Amino acid sequence: MAKNFVQPGHVVTVPAPAAVSSGDLVTVGVLTGVAQFDAGSGDPVEIAVEGVHEVEKVSAQAWTVGAAIYATSAGLATTAAAAGNVLIGVAMEVAANPSATGVVRLNGAAPAAAAT
């Protein structure tokens, strides 16, 4: 293994941007993941940036399998709308309109925010 290897990166530690609960979507800059435990604002929290997770979504949207999914600019929910939001992965299940959650495969990358 290379001597500059740090970690696999499936789960990374970031400062919580606000108080978070286990399972919450956490966005820091353009990095988004799912909190692995509760943490206070500014405390270190581990977030999963890969894998398939059920997350909060904008209720008034229907998703199809394979649709690009974004974290909202507030970082609190997911949406199929690209403008001003951060691409985080793809829908893995159909989600009805209305519905509170959707299943997303996180892409593990931190792409630039979508153009507005």
PDB file of N, CA and C in Angstrom:
ATOM      1  N   MET A   1       0.847  -1.169   0.000  1.00  0.00           N
ATOM      2  CA  MET A   1       0.000   0.000   0.000  1.00  0.00           C
ATOM      3  C   MET A   1       0.896   1.237   0.000  1.00  0.00           C
ATOM      4  N   ALA A   2       0.486   2.248  -0.720  1.00  0.00           N
ATOM      5  CA  ALA A   2       1.257   3.482  -0.808  1.00  0.00           C
ATOM      6  C   ALA A   2       1.394   4.128   0.560  1.00  0.00           C
ATOM      7  N   LYS A   3       2.556   4.687   0.828  1.00  0.00           N
ATOM      8  CA  LYS A   3       2.781   5.273   2.149  1.00  0.00           C
ATOM      9  C   LYS A   3       1.972   6.547   2.379  1.00  0.00           C
ATOM     10  N   ASN A   4       1.363   7.094   1.319  1.00  0.00           N
ATOM     11  CA  ASN A   4       0.533   8.289   1.485  1.00  0.00           C
ATOM     12  C   ASN A   4      -0.965   7.958   1.570  1.00  0.00           C
ATOM     13  N   PHE A   5      -1.320   6.665   1.605  1.00  0.00           N
ATOM     14  CA  PHE A   5      -2.716   6.240   1.752  1.00  0.00           C
ATOM     15  C   PHE A   5      -3.230   6.667   3.119  1.00  0.00           C
ATOM     16  N   VAL A   6      -4.436   7.235   3.159  1.00  0.00           N
ATOM     17  CA  VAL A   6      -5.021   7.692   4.416  1.00  0.00           C
ATOM     18  C   VAL A   6      -6.133   6.765   4.878  1.00  0.00           C
ATOM     19  N   GLN A   7      -7.130   6.493   4.017  1.00  0.00           N
ATOM     20  CA  GLN A   7      -8.259   5.636   4.375  1.00  0.00           C
ATOM     21  C   GLN A   7      -9.033   5.273   3.121  1.00  0.00           C
ATOM     22  N   PRO A   8      -9.910   4.244   3.185  1.00  0.00           N
ATOM     23  CA  PRO A   8     -10.699   3.885   2.008  1.00  0.00           C
ATOM     24  C   PRO A   8     -11.651   4.987   1.555  1.00  0.00           C
ATOM     25  N   GLY A   9     -12.221   5.751   2.484  1.00  0.00           N
ATOM     26  CA  GLY A   9     -13.063   6.879   2.112  1.00  0.00           C
ATOM     27  C   GLY A   9     -14.539   6.581   1.940  1.00  0.00           C
ATOM     28  N   HIS A  10     -14.994   5.393   2.299  1.00  0.00           N
ATOM     29  CA  HIS A  10     -16.428   5.090   2.217  1.00  0.00           C
ATOM     30  C   HIS A  10     -17.202   5.878   3.265  1.00  0.00           C
ATOM     31  N   VAL A  11     -16.551   6.085   4.404  1.00  0.00           N
ATOM     32  CA  VAL A  11     -17.079   6.901   5.495  1.00  0.00           C
ATOM     33  C   VAL A  11     -15.985   7.887   5.846  1.00  0.00           C
ATOM     34  N   VAL A  12     -16.352   9.169   5.927  1.00  0.00           N
ATOM     35  CA  VAL A  12     -15.376  10.211   6.247  1.00  0.00           C
ATOM     36  C   VAL A  12     -15.882  11.042   7.417  1.00  0.00           C
ATOM     37  N   THR A  13     -14.963  11.693   8.096  1.00  0.00           N
ATOM     38  CA  THR A  13     -15.319  12.533   9.232  1.00  0.00           C
ATOM     39  C   THR A  13     -15.278  13.992   8.814  1.00  0.00           C
ATOM     40  N   VAL A  14     -16.369  14.707   9.133  1.00  0.00           N
ATOM     41  CA  VAL A  14     -16.485  16.134   8.826  1.00  0.00           C
ATOM     42  C   VAL A  14     -17.057  16.840  10.055  1.00  0.00           C
ATOM     43  N   PRO A  15     -16.890  18.162  10.136  1.00  0.00           N
ATOM     44  CA  PRO A  15     -17.569  18.882  11.221  1.00  0.00           C
ATOM     45  C   PRO A  15     -19.051  18.999  10.879  1.00  0.00           C
ATOM     46  N   ALA A  16     -19.909  18.665  11.827  1.00  0.00           N
ATOM     47  CA  ALA A  16     -21.353  18.762  11.587  1.00  0.00           C
ATOM     48  C   ALA A  16     -21.719  20.231  11.363  1.00  0.00           C
ATOM     49  N   PRO A  17     -22.386  20.541  10.244  1.00  0.00           N
ATOM     50  CA  PRO A  17     -22.753  21.935   9.955  1.00  0.00           C
ATOM     51  C   PRO A  17     -23.867  22.459  10.870  1.00  0.00           C
ATOM     52  N   ALA A  18     -24.571  21.546  11.512  1.00  0.00           N
ATOM     53  CA  ALA A  18     -25.656  21.839  12.461  1.00  0.00           C
ATOM     54  C   ALA A  18     -25.828  20.574  13.285  1.00  0.00           C
ATOM     55  N   ALA A  19     -26.682  20.595  14.281  1.00  0.00           N
ATOM     56  CA  ALA A  19     -26.967  19.367  15.021  1.00  0.00           C
ATOM     57  C   ALA A  19     -27.574  18.355  14.055  1.00  0.00           C
ATOM     58  N   VAL A  20     -27.077  17.134  14.071  1.00  0.00           N
ATOM     59  CA  VAL A  20     -27.573  16.097  13.168  1.00  0.00           C
ATOM     60  C   VAL A  20     -27.901  14.838  13.955  1.00  0.00           C
ATOM     61  N   SER A  21     -28.811  14.053  13.407  1.00  0.00           N
ATOM     62  CA  SER A  21     -29.171  12.756  13.974  1.00  0.00           C
ATOM     63  C   SER A  21     -28.701  11.665  13.037  1.00  0.00           C
ATOM     64  N   SER A  22     -28.485  10.506  13.576  1.00  0.00           N
ATOM     65  CA  SER A  22     -28.109   9.357  12.762  1.00  0.00           C
ATOM     66  C   SER A  22     -29.103   9.199  11.622  1.00  0.00           C
ATOM     67  N   GLY A  23     -28.602   9.073  10.400  1.00  0.00           N
ATOM     68  CA  GLY A  23     -29.454   8.908   9.229  1.00  0.00           C
ATOM     69  C   GLY A  23     -29.759  10.208   8.498  1.00  0.00           C
ATOM     70  N   ASP A  24     -29.434  11.351   9.109  1.00  0.00           N
ATOM     71  CA  ASP A  24     -29.659  12.637   8.435  1.00  0.00           C
ATOM     72  C   ASP A  24     -28.699  12.823   7.269  1.00  0.00           C
ATOM     73  N   LEU A  25     -29.157  13.529   6.268  1.00  0.00           N
ATOM     74  CA  LEU A  25     -28.295  13.949   5.178  1.00  0.00           C
ATOM     75  C   LEU A  25     -27.433  15.099   5.678  1.00  0.00           C
ATOM     76  N   VAL A  26     -26.131  15.032   5.437  1.00  0.00           N
ATOM     77  CA  VAL A  26     -25.194  16.061   5.881  1.00  0.00           C
ATOM     78  C   VAL A  26     -24.440  16.565   4.666  1.00  0.00           C
ATOM     79  N   THR A  27     -24.478  17.882   4.447  1.00  0.00           N
ATOM     80  CA  THR A  27     -23.747  18.486   3.339  1.00  0.00           C
ATOM     81  C   THR A  27     -22.748  19.488   3.896  1.00  0.00           C
ATOM     82  N   VAL A  28     -21.491  19.316   3.501  1.00  0.00           N
ATOM     83  CA  VAL A  28     -20.422  20.241   3.858  1.00  0.00           C
ATOM     84  C   VAL A  28     -19.773  20.632   2.534  1.00  0.00           C
ATOM     85  N   GLY A  29     -19.990  21.869   2.107  1.00  0.00           N
ATOM     86  CA  GLY A  29     -19.535  22.275   0.785  1.00  0.00           C
ATOM     87  C   GLY A  29     -20.271  21.481  -0.268  1.00  0.00           C
ATOM     88  N   VAL A  30     -19.535  20.752  -1.113  1.00  0.00           N
ATOM     89  CA  VAL A  30     -20.171  19.904  -2.123  1.00  0.00           C
ATOM     90  C   VAL A  30     -20.063  18.426  -1.767  1.00  0.00           C
ATOM     91  N   LEU A  31     -19.673  18.128  -0.519  1.00  0.00           N
ATOM     92  CA  LEU A  31     -19.599  16.754  -0.039  1.00  0.00           C
ATOM     93  C   LEU A  31     -20.858  16.449   0.749  1.00  0.00           C
ATOM     94  N   THR A  32     -21.571  15.403   0.355  1.00  0.00           N
ATOM     95  CA  THR A  32     -22.811  15.022   1.029  1.00  0.00           C
ATOM     96  C   THR A  32     -22.759  13.552   1.394  1.00  0.00           C
ATOM     97  N   GLY A  33     -23.228  13.240   2.601  1.00  0.00           N
ATOM     98  CA  GLY A  33     -23.302  11.861   3.051  1.00  0.00           C
ATOM     99  C   GLY A  33     -24.376  11.711   4.097  1.00  0.00           C
ATOM    100  N   VAL A  34     -24.463  10.521   4.655  1.00  0.00           N
ATOM    101  CA  VAL A  34     -25.476  10.194   5.648  1.00  0.00           C
ATOM    102  C   VAL A  34     -24.787  10.044   7.006  1.00  0.00           C
ATOM    103  N   ALA A  35     -25.272  10.817   7.996  1.00  0.00           N
ATOM    104  CA  ALA A  35     -24.693  10.777   9.340  1.00  0.00           C
ATOM    105  C   ALA A  35     -24.795   9.375   9.924  1.00  0.00           C
ATOM    106  N   GLN A  36     -23.705   8.914  10.502  1.00  0.00           N
ATOM    107  CA  GLN A  36     -23.662   7.580  11.095  1.00  0.00           C
ATOM    108  C   GLN A  36     -24.050   7.578  12.571  1.00  0.00           C
ATOM    109  N   PHE A  37     -24.105   8.775  13.174  1.00  0.00           N
ATOM    110  CA  PHE A  37     -24.514   8.904  14.581  1.00  0.00           C
ATOM    111  C   PHE A  37     -24.920  10.348  14.825  1.00  0.00           C
ATOM    112  N   ASP A  38     -25.535  10.613  15.974  1.00  0.00           N
ATOM    113  CA  ASP A  38     -25.932  11.966  16.350  1.00  0.00           C
ATOM    114  C   ASP A  38     -24.683  12.791  16.648  1.00  0.00           C
ATOM    115  N   ALA A  39     -24.740  14.088  16.319  1.00  0.00           N
ATOM    116  CA  ALA A  39     -23.624  14.993  16.620  1.00  0.00           C
ATOM    117  C   ALA A  39     -24.151  16.412  16.762  1.00  0.00           C
ATOM    118  N   GLY A  40     -23.500  17.179  17.611  1.00  0.00           N
ATOM    119  CA  GLY A  40     -23.850  18.582  17.773  1.00  0.00           C
ATOM    120  C   GLY A  40     -23.196  19.431  16.705  1.00  0.00           C
ATOM    121  N   SER A  41     -23.682  20.629  16.537  1.00  0.00           N
ATOM    122  CA  SER A  41     -23.129  21.557  15.555  1.00  0.00           C
ATOM    123  C   SER A  41     -21.637  21.760  15.805  1.00  0.00           C
ATOM    124  N   GLY A  42     -20.825  21.562  14.776  1.00  0.00           N
ATOM    125  CA  GLY A  42     -19.379  21.729  14.861  1.00  0.00           C
ATOM    126  C   GLY A  42     -18.634  20.512  15.358  1.00  0.00           C
ATOM    127  N   ASP A  43     -19.348  19.526  15.905  1.00  0.00           N
ATOM    128  CA  ASP A  43     -18.693  18.307  16.385  1.00  0.00           C
ATOM    129  C   ASP A  43     -18.323  17.414  15.203  1.00  0.00           C
ATOM    130  N   PRO A  44     -17.291  16.593  15.349  1.00  0.00           N
ATOM    131  CA  PRO A  44     -16.969  15.647  14.278  1.00  0.00           C
ATOM    132  C   PRO A  44     -18.096  14.624  14.125  1.00  0.00           C
ATOM    133  N   VAL A  45     -18.453  14.337  12.886  1.00  0.00           N
ATOM    134  CA  VAL A  45     -19.452  13.312  12.609  1.00  0.00           C
ATOM    135  C   VAL A  45     -18.983  12.510  11.403  1.00  0.00           C
ATOM    136  N   GLU A  46     -19.150  11.213  11.484  1.00  0.00           N
ATOM    137  CA  GLU A  46     -18.821  10.356  10.350  1.00  0.00           C
ATOM    138  C   GLU A  46     -20.020  10.306   9.421  1.00  0.00           C
ATOM    139  N   ILE A  47     -19.754  10.484   8.127  1.00  0.00           N
ATOM    140  CA  ILE A  47     -20.820  10.387   7.124  1.00  0.00           C
ATOM    141  C   ILE A  47     -20.443   9.341   6.083  1.00  0.00           C
ATOM    142  N   ALA A  48     -21.413   8.520   5.721  1.00  0.00           N
ATOM    143  CA  ALA A  48     -21.226   7.557   4.634  1.00  0.00           C
ATOM    144  C   ALA A  48     -21.429   8.309   3.325  1.00  0.00           C
ATOM    145  N   VAL A  49     -20.440   8.251   2.452  1.00  0.00           N
ATOM    146  CA  VAL A  49     -20.541   8.943   1.161  1.00  0.00           C
ATOM    147  C   VAL A  49     -20.770   7.966   0.014  1.00  0.00           C
ATOM    148  N   GLU A  50     -20.886   6.690   0.337  1.00  0.00           N
ATOM    149  CA  GLU A  50     -21.188   5.646  -0.641  1.00  0.00           C
ATOM    150  C   GLU A  50     -22.242   4.720  -0.047  1.00  0.00           C
ATOM    151  N   GLY A  51     -22.809   3.898  -0.890  1.00  0.00           N
ATOM    152  CA  GLY A  51     -23.807   2.946  -0.439  1.00  0.00           C
ATOM    153  C   GLY A  51     -25.207   3.396  -0.798  1.00  0.00           C
ATOM    154  N   VAL A  52     -26.182   2.569  -0.461  1.00  0.00           N
ATOM    155  CA  VAL A  52     -27.582   2.846  -0.770  1.00  0.00           C
ATOM    156  C   VAL A  52     -28.287   3.180   0.536  1.00  0.00           C
ATOM    157  N   HIS A  53     -28.962   4.332   0.550  1.00  0.00           N
ATOM    158  CA  HIS A  53     -29.590   4.838   1.775  1.00  0.00           C
ATOM    159  C   HIS A  53     -30.990   5.357   1.477  1.00  0.00           C
ATOM    160  N   GLU A  54     -31.887   5.196   2.446  1.00  0.00           N
ATOM    161  CA  GLU A  54     -33.197   5.831   2.376  1.00  0.00           C
ATOM    162  C   GLU A  54     -33.051   7.204   3.026  1.00  0.00           C
ATOM    163  N   VAL A  55     -33.369   8.255   2.275  1.00  0.00           N
ATOM    164  CA  VAL A  55     -33.166   9.617   2.755  1.00  0.00           C
ATOM    165  C   VAL A  55     -34.422  10.459   2.549  1.00  0.00           C
ATOM    166  N   GLU A  56     -34.494  11.549   3.288  1.00  0.00           N
ATOM    167  CA  GLU A  56     -35.600  12.492   3.129  1.00  0.00           C
ATOM    168  C   GLU A  56     -35.554  13.080   1.724  1.00  0.00           C
ATOM    169  N   LYS A  57     -36.748  13.282   1.124  1.00  0.00           N
ATOM    170  CA  LYS A  57     -36.813  13.879  -0.204  1.00  0.00           C
ATOM    171  C   LYS A  57     -37.877  14.960  -0.248  1.00  0.00           C
ATOM    172  N   VAL A  58     -37.823  15.776  -1.276  1.00  0.00           N
ATOM    173  CA  VAL A  58     -38.898  16.732  -1.516  1.00  0.00           C
ATOM    174  C   VAL A  58     -40.143  15.915  -1.809  1.00  0.00           C
ATOM    175  N   SER A  59     -41.160  16.058  -0.992  1.00  0.00           N
ATOM    176  CA  SER A  59     -42.339  15.196  -1.064  1.00  0.00           C
ATOM    177  C   SER A  59     -43.065  15.279  -2.404  1.00  0.00           C
ATOM    178  N   ALA A  60     -43.150  16.469  -2.965  1.00  0.00           N
ATOM    179  CA  ALA A  60     -43.959  16.691  -4.166  1.00  0.00           C
ATOM    180  C   ALA A  60     -43.210  16.358  -5.450  1.00  0.00           C
ATOM    181  N   GLN A  61     -42.405  15.309  -5.433  1.00  0.00           N
ATOM    182  CA  GLN A  61     -41.706  14.849  -6.633  1.00  0.00           C
ATOM    183  C   GLN A  61     -41.886  13.351  -6.774  1.00  0.00           C
ATOM    184  N   ALA A  62     -41.957  12.909  -8.007  1.00  0.00           N
ATOM    185  CA  ALA A  62     -41.925  11.476  -8.295  1.00  0.00           C
ATOM    186  C   ALA A  62     -40.547  11.170  -8.865  1.00  0.00           C
ATOM    187  N   TRP A  63     -39.952  10.067  -8.414  1.00  0.00           N
ATOM    188  CA  TRP A  63     -38.641   9.653  -8.917  1.00  0.00           C
ATOM    189  C   TRP A  63     -38.786   8.353  -9.693  1.00  0.00           C
ATOM    190  N   THR A  64     -37.944   8.195 -10.694  1.00  0.00           N
ATOM    191  CA  THR A  64     -37.833   6.932 -11.412  1.00  0.00           C
ATOM    192  C   THR A  64     -36.471   6.326 -11.093  1.00  0.00           C
ATOM    193  N   VAL A  65     -36.353   5.032 -11.227  1.00  0.00           N
ATOM    194  CA  VAL A  65     -35.077   4.362 -10.999  1.00  0.00           C
ATOM    195  C   VAL A  65     -34.046   4.929 -11.966  1.00  0.00           C
ATOM    196  N   GLY A  66     -32.894   5.283 -11.453  1.00  0.00           N
ATOM    197  CA  GLY A  66     -31.805   5.807 -12.268  1.00  0.00           C
ATOM    198  C   GLY A  66     -31.799   7.316 -12.412  1.00  0.00           C
ATOM    199  N   ALA A  67     -32.813   8.001 -11.874  1.00  0.00           N
ATOM    200  CA  ALA A  67     -32.852   9.464 -11.959  1.00  0.00           C
ATOM    201  C   ALA A  67     -31.717  10.063 -11.134  1.00  0.00           C
ATOM    202  N   ALA A  68     -31.089  11.110 -11.646  1.00  0.00           N
ATOM    203  CA  ALA A  68     -30.059  11.826 -10.893  1.00  0.00           C
ATOM    204  C   ALA A  68     -30.717  12.484  -9.684  1.00  0.00           C
ATOM    205  N   ILE A  69     -30.062  12.370  -8.535  1.00  0.00           N
ATOM    206  CA  ILE A  69     -30.599  12.934  -7.302  1.00  0.00           C
ATOM    207  C   ILE A  69     -29.580  13.912  -6.726  1.00  0.00           C
ATOM    208  N   TYR A  70     -30.099  15.008  -6.207  1.00  0.00           N
ATOM    209  CA  TYR A  70     -29.286  16.111  -5.717  1.00  0.00           C
ATOM    210  C   TYR A  70     -29.634  16.428  -4.266  1.00  0.00           C
ATOM    211  N   ALA A  71     -28.664  16.942  -3.515  1.00  0.00           N
ATOM    212  CA  ALA A  71     -28.944  17.508  -2.194  1.00  0.00           C
ATOM    213  C   ALA A  71     -29.437  18.920  -2.433  1.00  0.00           C
ATOM    214  N   THR A  72     -30.486  19.308  -1.732  1.00  0.00           N
ATOM    215  CA  THR A  72     -30.987  20.673  -1.874  1.00  0.00           C
ATOM    216  C   THR A  72     -29.926  21.647  -1.372  1.00  0.00           C
ATOM    217  N   SER A  73     -30.015  22.888  -1.808  1.00  0.00           N
ATOM    218  CA  SER A  73     -29.018  23.879  -1.418  1.00  0.00           C
ATOM    219  C   SER A  73     -28.958  24.043   0.098  1.00  0.00           C
ATOM    220  N   ALA A  74     -30.054  23.779   0.793  1.00  0.00           N
ATOM    221  CA  ALA A  74     -30.041  23.831   2.255  1.00  0.00           C
ATOM    222  C   ALA A  74     -29.434  22.557   2.843  1.00  0.00           C
ATOM    223  N   GLY A  75     -29.272  21.513   2.009  1.00  0.00           N
ATOM    224  CA  GLY A  75     -28.652  20.275   2.450  1.00  0.00           C
ATOM    225  C   GLY A  75     -29.516  19.411   3.336  1.00  0.00           C
ATOM    226  N   LEU A  76     -30.808  19.681   3.396  1.00  0.00           N
ATOM    227  CA  LEU A  76     -31.674  18.969   4.328  1.00  0.00           C
ATOM    228  C   LEU A  76     -32.484  17.862   3.686  1.00  0.00           C
ATOM    229  N   ALA A  77     -32.609  17.881   2.383  1.00  0.00           N
ATOM    230  CA  ALA A  77     -33.434  16.882   1.698  1.00  0.00           C
ATOM    231  C   ALA A  77     -32.824  16.635   0.327  1.00  0.00           C
ATOM    232  N   THR A  78     -33.411  15.682  -0.388  1.00  0.00           N
ATOM    233  CA  THR A  78     -32.952  15.375  -1.730  1.00  0.00           C
ATOM    234  C   THR A  78     -34.025  15.764  -2.727  1.00  0.00           C
ATOM    235  N   THR A  79     -33.584  15.970  -3.955  1.00  0.00           N
ATOM    236  CA  THR A  79     -34.474  16.435  -5.008  1.00  0.00           C
ATOM    237  C   THR A  79     -33.990  15.923  -6.351  1.00  0.00           C
ATOM    238  N   ALA A  80     -34.885  15.860  -7.314  1.00  0.00           N
ATOM    239  CA  ALA A  80     -34.517  15.513  -8.684  1.00  0.00           C
ATOM    240  C   ALA A  80     -34.202  16.774  -9.487  1.00  0.00           C
ATOM    241  N   ALA A  81     -34.323  17.947  -8.873  1.00  0.00           N
ATOM    242  CA  ALA A  81     -34.057  19.221  -9.554  1.00  0.00           C
ATOM    243  C   ALA A  81     -32.578  19.568  -9.456  1.00  0.00           C
ATOM    244  N   ALA A  82     -31.937  19.814 -10.584  1.00  0.00           N
ATOM    245  CA  ALA A  82     -30.501  20.072 -10.617  1.00  0.00           C
ATOM    246  C   ALA A  82     -30.122  21.496 -10.236  1.00  0.00           C
ATOM    247  N   ALA A  83     -30.896  22.476 -10.642  1.00  0.00           N
ATOM    248  CA  ALA A  83     -30.510  23.885 -10.525  1.00  0.00           C
ATOM    249  C   ALA A  83     -30.154  24.288  -9.097  1.00  0.00           C
ATOM    250  N   GLY A  84     -28.901  24.711  -8.905  1.00  0.00           N
ATOM    251  CA  GLY A  84     -28.434  25.206  -7.625  1.00  0.00           C
ATOM    252  C   GLY A  84     -28.177  24.149  -6.574  1.00  0.00           C
ATOM    253  N   ASN A  85     -28.272  22.875  -6.933  1.00  0.00           N
ATOM    254  CA  ASN A  85     -28.126  21.790  -5.972  1.00  0.00           C
ATOM    255  C   ASN A  85     -26.891  20.948  -6.273  1.00  0.00           C
ATOM    256  N   VAL A  86     -26.540  20.032  -5.365  1.00  0.00           N
ATOM    257  CA  VAL A  86     -25.326  19.221  -5.474  1.00  0.00           C
ATOM    258  C   VAL A  86     -25.696  17.783  -5.823  1.00  0.00           C
ATOM    259  N   LEU A  87     -25.160  17.269  -6.939  1.00  0.00           N
ATOM    260  CA  LEU A  87     -25.398  15.885  -7.348  1.00  0.00           C
ATOM    261  C   LEU A  87     -24.815  14.943  -6.303  1.00  0.00           C
ATOM    262  N   ILE A  88     -25.650  14.013  -5.798  1.00  0.00           N
ATOM    263  CA  ILE A  88     -25.154  13.075  -4.785  1.00  0.00           C
ATOM    264  C   ILE A  88     -25.280  11.620  -5.210  1.00  0.00           C
ATOM    265  N   GLY A  89     -26.084  11.313  -6.234  1.00  0.00           N
ATOM    266  CA  GLY A  89     -26.235   9.926  -6.635  1.00  0.00           C
ATOM    267  C   GLY A  89     -27.426   9.707  -7.536  1.00  0.00           C
ATOM    268  N   VAL A  90     -27.969   8.476  -7.494  1.00  0.00           N
ATOM    269  CA  VAL A  90     -29.096   8.111  -8.354  1.00  0.00           C
ATOM    270  C   VAL A  90     -30.172   7.402  -7.545  1.00  0.00           C
ATOM    271  N   ALA A  91     -31.408   7.576  -7.973  1.00  0.00           N
ATOM    272  CA  ALA A  91     -32.534   6.894  -7.336  1.00  0.00           C
ATOM    273  C   ALA A  91     -32.445   5.401  -7.635  1.00  0.00           C
ATOM    274  N   MET A  92     -32.641   4.586  -6.605  1.00  0.00           N
ATOM    275  CA  MET A  92     -32.588   3.134  -6.766  1.00  0.00           C
ATOM    276  C   MET A  92     -33.964   2.496  -6.736  1.00  0.00           C
ATOM    277  N   GLU A  93     -34.974   3.267  -6.360  1.00  0.00           N
ATOM    278  CA  GLU A  93     -36.351   2.790  -6.338  1.00  0.00           C
ATOM    279  C   GLU A  93     -37.257   3.904  -6.815  1.00  0.00           C
ATOM    280  N   VAL A  94     -38.418   3.527  -7.313  1.00  0.00           N
ATOM    281  CA  VAL A  94     -39.436   4.508  -7.659  1.00  0.00           C
ATOM    282  C   VAL A  94     -39.895   5.169  -6.361  1.00  0.00           C
ATOM    283  N   ALA A  95     -40.083   6.484  -6.399  1.00  0.00           N
ATOM    284  CA  ALA A  95     -40.630   7.216  -5.249  1.00  0.00           C
ATOM    285  C   ALA A  95     -41.846   7.990  -5.747  1.00  0.00           C
ATOM    286  N   ALA A  96     -42.941   7.832  -5.066  1.00  0.00           N
ATOM    287  CA  ALA A  96     -44.203   8.454  -5.476  1.00  0.00           C
ATOM    288  C   ALA A  96     -44.251   9.931  -5.104  1.00  0.00           C
ATOM    289  N   ASN A  97     -45.147  10.637  -5.769  1.00  0.00           N
ATOM    290  CA  ASN A  97     -45.504  12.010  -5.403  1.00  0.00           C
ATOM    291  C   ASN A  97     -46.902  11.925  -4.818  1.00  0.00           C
ATOM    292  N   PRO A  98     -47.101  12.182  -3.538  1.00  0.00           N
ATOM    293  CA  PRO A  98     -46.124  12.596  -2.536  1.00  0.00           C
ATOM    294  C   PRO A  98     -45.513  11.399  -1.812  1.00  0.00           C
ATOM    295  N   SER A  99     -44.310  11.585  -1.303  1.00  0.00           N
ATOM    296  CA  SER A  99     -43.663  10.631  -0.399  1.00  0.00           C
ATOM    297  C   SER A  99     -42.537  11.370   0.310  1.00  0.00           C
ATOM    298  N   ALA A 100     -42.280  10.978   1.538  1.00  0.00           N
ATOM    299  CA  ALA A 100     -41.308  11.690   2.377  1.00  0.00           C
ATOM    300  C   ALA A 100     -39.874  11.243   2.162  1.00  0.00           C
ATOM    301  N   THR A 101     -39.693  10.012   1.658  1.00  0.00           N
ATOM    302  CA  THR A 101     -38.333   9.484   1.505  1.00  0.00           C
ATOM    303  C   THR A 101     -38.137   8.838   0.146  1.00  0.00           C
ATOM    304  N   GLY A 102     -36.878   8.661  -0.215  1.00  0.00           N
ATOM    305  CA  GLY A 102     -36.498   7.958  -1.428  1.00  0.00           C
ATOM    306  C   GLY A 102     -35.224   7.182  -1.170  1.00  0.00           C
ATOM    307  N   VAL A 103     -34.948   6.199  -2.002  1.00  0.00           N
ATOM    308  CA  VAL A 103     -33.762   5.372  -1.852  1.00  0.00           C
ATOM    309  C   VAL A 103     -32.738   5.797  -2.899  1.00  0.00           C
ATOM    310  N   VAL A 104     -31.547   6.166  -2.404  1.00  0.00           N
ATOM    311  CA  VAL A 104     -30.505   6.747  -3.255  1.00  0.00           C
ATOM    312  C   VAL A 104     -29.204   5.981  -3.096  1.00  0.00           C
ATOM    313  N   ARG A 105     -28.539   5.704  -4.218  1.00  0.00           N
ATOM    314  CA  ARG A 105     -27.170   5.190  -4.191  1.00  0.00           C
ATOM    315  C   ARG A 105     -26.268   6.413  -4.244  1.00  0.00           C
ATOM    316  N   LEU A 106     -25.548   6.661  -3.154  1.00  0.00           N
ATOM    317  CA  LEU A 106     -24.628   7.798  -3.104  1.00  0.00           C
ATOM    318  C   LEU A 106     -23.452   7.545  -4.024  1.00  0.00           C
ATOM    319  N   ASN A 107     -23.014   8.592  -4.720  1.00  0.00           N
ATOM    320  CA  ASN A 107     -21.958   8.410  -5.711  1.00  0.00           C
ATOM    321  C   ASN A 107     -20.548   8.511  -5.146  1.00  0.00           C
ATOM    322  N   GLY A 108     -20.402   8.941  -3.881  1.00  0.00           N
ATOM    323  CA  GLY A 108     -19.087   8.979  -3.267  1.00  0.00           C
ATOM    324  C   GLY A 108     -18.191  10.082  -3.749  1.00  0.00           C
ATOM    325  N   ALA A 109     -18.665  10.901  -4.653  1.00  0.00           N
ATOM    326  CA  ALA A 109     -17.853  11.993  -5.197  1.00  0.00           C
ATOM    327  C   ALA A 109     -18.348  13.317  -4.669  1.00  0.00           C
ATOM    328  N   ALA A 110     -17.567  14.330  -4.858  1.00  0.00           N
ATOM    329  CA  ALA A 110     -17.958  15.677  -4.448  1.00  0.00           C
ATOM    330  C   ALA A 110     -17.898  16.580  -5.677  1.00  0.00           C
ATOM    331  N   PRO A 111     -18.885  16.437  -6.601  1.00  0.00           N
ATOM    332  CA  PRO A 111     -18.870  17.238  -7.817  1.00  0.00           C
ATOM    333  C   PRO A 111     -19.235  18.687  -7.527  1.00  0.00           C
ATOM    334  N   ALA A 112     -18.950  19.550  -8.460  1.00  0.00           N
ATOM    335  CA  ALA A 112     -19.337  20.950  -8.325  1.00  0.00           C
ATOM    336  C   ALA A 112     -20.851  21.059  -8.345  1.00  0.00           C
ATOM    337  N   ALA A 113     -21.386  22.112  -7.738  1.00  0.00           N
ATOM    338  CA  ALA A 113     -22.825  22.353  -7.731  1.00  0.00           C
ATOM    339  C   ALA A 113     -23.313  22.513  -9.157  1.00  0.00           C
ATOM    340  N   ALA A 114     -24.545  22.095  -9.401  1.00  0.00           N
ATOM    341  CA  ALA A 114     -25.137  22.209 -10.730  1.00  0.00           C
ATOM    342  C   ALA A 114     -25.313  23.673 -11.096  1.00  0.00           C
ATOM    343  N   ALA A 115     -25.244  23.966 -12.373  1.00  0.00           N
ATOM    344  CA  ALA A 115     -25.443  25.333 -12.851  1.00  0.00           C
ATOM    345  C   ALA A 115     -26.878  25.769 -12.603  1.00  0.00           C
ATOM    346  N   THR A 116     -27.053  27.035 -12.336  1.00  0.00           N
ATOM    347  CA  THR A 116     -28.404  27.552 -12.097  1.00  0.00           C
ATOM    348  C   THR A 116     -28.977  28.178 -13.325  1.00  0.00           C
TER     349      THR A 116
END
